[in-house]
Amino acid sequence: MGPGSVAELGPFAWSEADQGLCAEHGVAAVLSLVGHIAAYRDGEGWLNELCGYVRGNLRMVAGRLSAVGLDWQPPQAGYLAWIDLRPLGIHEDEPLRRELIEREKVAIMPGGAYGAPGFVRLNVGCPRAKAGADALVRAVRRLTA
């Protein structure tokens, strides 16, 4: 059977085979494929600018967290910082979540969901105005006061 053999199976069999592939591997939208191709061909300047921006966010987060004595692990790759709340006696429990969500309007993923209880995961790959570091610092100050 050659590459054209699938067409010999008829419309139902093709649909079934196509659905199986899509279910297992997912399907990329055509416009996203065009965007990916353009990014690989012409995106070096944008990527360099983005990396510089994220590095700036990491420096900002480091400064904010050190102000309240929080230790953190910068990402080895990507844009997720791991913040250690254990030295301050704060856990990723309900009081912290309530402070962040209700008062600060920020949701930070608890580390326990990723096998690191006592930590929170902070996304630093966002606009600085939306970075949750300031909100986390304010919540930590209220909880440790």
Foldseek 3Di string as FASTA:
>chain_A
DDPCVQVVVDDVSVVVVVVVCCVVPNDDDPVVVVVVVCCVVPVPVVVVVLVVQLVVLVVVLVVLQVVVPWDWDADPDAFKIKIAQVVLVDWPDDLLQCQCCVVVVDGWAACVVVVDTRITIFGSSDPPVPGCSNSSSVSSVVVSD
